[in-house]
C-alpha atoms as a PDB file:
ATOM      1  CA  MET A   1       3.208  50.873  -4.554  1.00  0.00           C
ATOM      2  CA  ASP A   2       5.627  52.484  -7.257  1.00  0.00           C
ATOM      3  CA  VAL A   3       8.413  54.206  -5.955  1.00  0.00           C
ATOM      4  CA  CYS A   4       9.599  57.382  -8.590  1.00  0.00           C
ATOM      5  CA  ASP A   5      12.698  56.606 -10.310  1.00  0.00           C
ATOM      6  CA  GLY A   6      13.436  60.079 -11.387  1.00  0.00           C
ATOM      7  CA  PRO A   7      12.914  63.448  -9.599  1.00  0.00           C
ATOM      8  CA  VAL A   8       9.578  63.816  -7.629  1.00  0.00           C
ATOM      9  CA  GLU A   9       7.462  66.561  -9.101  1.00  0.00           C
ATOM     10  CA  VAL A  10       3.974  65.879  -7.415  1.00  0.00           C
ATOM     11  CA  GLU A  11       3.206  64.825  -4.148  1.00  0.00           C
ATOM     12  CA  PRO A  12       2.997  60.610  -3.953  1.00  0.00           C
ATOM     13  CA  ARG A  13      -0.437  59.764  -3.458  1.00  0.00           C
ATOM     14  CA  GLY A  14      -2.204  57.237  -1.396  1.00  0.00           C
ATOM     15  CA  PHE A  15      -2.318  54.735   1.647  1.00  0.00           C
ATOM     16  CA  VAL A  16       0.131  52.276   1.909  1.00  0.00           C
ATOM     17  CA  SER A  17       0.343  49.999   5.007  1.00  0.00           C
ATOM     18  CA  ARG A  18       3.146  50.642   7.394  1.00  0.00           C
ATOM     19  CA  ASP A  19       4.404  46.893   6.717  1.00  0.00           C
ATOM     20  CA  GLU A  20       4.728  47.864   3.040  1.00  0.00           C
ATOM     21  CA  GLN A  21       6.619  51.075   3.766  1.00  0.00           C
ATOM     22  CA  TRP A  22       8.973  48.790   5.742  1.00  0.00           C
ATOM     23  CA  ARG A  23       9.523  46.786   3.223  1.00  0.00           C
ATOM     24  CA  VAL A  24       9.768  49.747   0.423  1.00  0.00           C
ATOM     25  CA  LEU A  25      12.165  51.413   2.793  1.00  0.00           C
ATOM     26  CA  MET A  26      14.399  48.185   3.193  1.00  0.00           C
ATOM     27  CA  GLU A  27      14.613  47.427  -0.422  1.00  0.00           C
ATOM     28  CA  SER A  28      15.691  50.791  -1.104  1.00  0.00           C
ATOM     29  CA  LEU A  29      18.417  50.036   1.464  1.00  0.00           C
ATOM     30  CA  ALA A  30      19.597  46.713  -0.064  1.00  0.00           C
ATOM     31  CA  GLY A  31      23.192  46.051  -0.079  1.00  0.00           C
ATOM     32  CA  LEU A  32      23.721  48.360   3.023  1.00  0.00           C
ATOM     33  CA  GLU A  33      24.514  46.851   6.199  1.00  0.00           C
ATOM     34  CA  LEU A  34      22.208  48.240   9.135  1.00  0.00           C
ATOM     35  CA  GLY A  35      22.742  48.173  12.845  1.00  0.00           C
ATOM     36  CA  VAL A  36      20.025  48.020  15.302  1.00  0.00           C
ATOM     37  CA  TRP A  37      19.384  51.664  15.431  1.00  0.00           C
ATOM     38  CA  ASP A  38      19.425  51.686  11.646  1.00  0.00           C
ATOM     39  CA  GLU A  39      16.526  49.134  11.756  1.00  0.00           C
ATOM     40  CA  ARG A  40      14.962  51.368  14.301  1.00  0.00           C
ATOM     41  CA  ILE A  41      15.085  54.178  12.391  1.00  0.00           C
ATOM     42  CA  VAL A  42      13.307  52.476   9.287  1.00  0.00           C
ATOM     43  CA  SER A  43      10.392  51.255  11.210  1.00  0.00           C
ATOM     44  CA  TRP A  44       9.855  54.760  12.602  1.00  0.00           C
ATOM     45  CA  LEU A  45      10.202  56.216   9.329  1.00  0.00           C
ATOM     46  CA  ALA A  46       7.629  53.245   8.119  1.00  0.00           C
ATOM     47  CA  GLY A  47       5.059  55.089  10.030  1.00  0.00           C
ATOM     48  CA  TRP A  48       5.002  58.501   8.425  1.00  0.00           C
ATOM     49  CA  GLU A  49       2.414  59.161   5.726  1.00  0.00           C
ATOM     50  CA  TRP A  50       3.551  57.543   2.245  1.00  0.00           C
ATOM     51  CA  SER A  51       4.195  60.898   0.514  1.00  0.00           C
ATOM     52  CA  THR A  52       7.286  61.083   2.633  1.00  0.00           C
ATOM     53  CA  VAL A  53       8.165  57.684   2.541  1.00  0.00           C
ATOM     54  CA  SER A  54       7.793  57.338  -0.996  1.00  0.00           C
ATOM     55  CA  THR A  55      10.141  60.311  -1.490  1.00  0.00           C
ATOM     56  CA  ILE A  56      12.865  59.037   0.887  1.00  0.00           C
ATOM     57  CA  ALA A  57      12.873  55.735  -0.753  1.00  0.00           C
ATOM     58  CA  SER A  58      13.119  57.291  -4.305  1.00  0.00           C
ATOM     59  CA  TRP A  59      16.201  59.191  -2.739  1.00  0.00           C
ATOM     60  CA  LEU A  60      17.823  56.252  -1.697  1.00  0.00           C
ATOM     61  CA  ARG A  61      17.115  54.624  -5.125  1.00  0.00           C
ATOM     62  CA  ARG A  62      18.368  57.091  -6.852  1.00  0.00           C
ATOM     63  CA  LEU A  63      21.672  57.761  -5.256  1.00  0.00           C
ATOM     64  CA  SER A  64      22.042  54.186  -4.989  1.00  0.00           C
ATOM     65  CA  SER A  65      21.586  53.987  -8.535  1.00  0.00           C
ATOM     66  CA  SER A  66      23.916  56.920  -9.497  1.00  0.00           C
ATOM     67  CA  THR A  67      26.519  55.448  -7.688  1.00  0.00           C
ATOM     68  CA  ALA A  68      26.624  52.146  -9.158  1.00  0.00           C
ATOM     69  CA  THR A  69      26.862  53.700 -12.482  1.00  0.00           C
ATOM     70  CA  GLY A  70      29.333  56.276 -11.730  1.00  0.00           C
ATOM     71  CA  GLY A  71      27.264  59.128 -12.007  1.00  0.00           C
ATOM     72  CA  PRO A  72      27.431  62.454  -9.764  1.00  0.00           C
ATOM     73  CA  GLY A  73      26.603  61.740  -6.210  1.00  0.00           C
ATOM     74  CA  ARG A  74      25.763  64.881  -4.791  1.00  0.00           C
END
């Protein structure tokens, strides 16, 4: 499933398996050192519905992209 690379204007739809949602979250956190508790929370979040996971992943990716390009990180 695709994760929005800009502001999320409508609820992301569809079903994505827990394993795939975990992968999406981990990809969104790439380059960030994670501890055991961090990984536990990623696993917990992966069990939520796709609309929530997709939105959180979009935030992380946009923040990472903004930081990498020197853009404003609110």
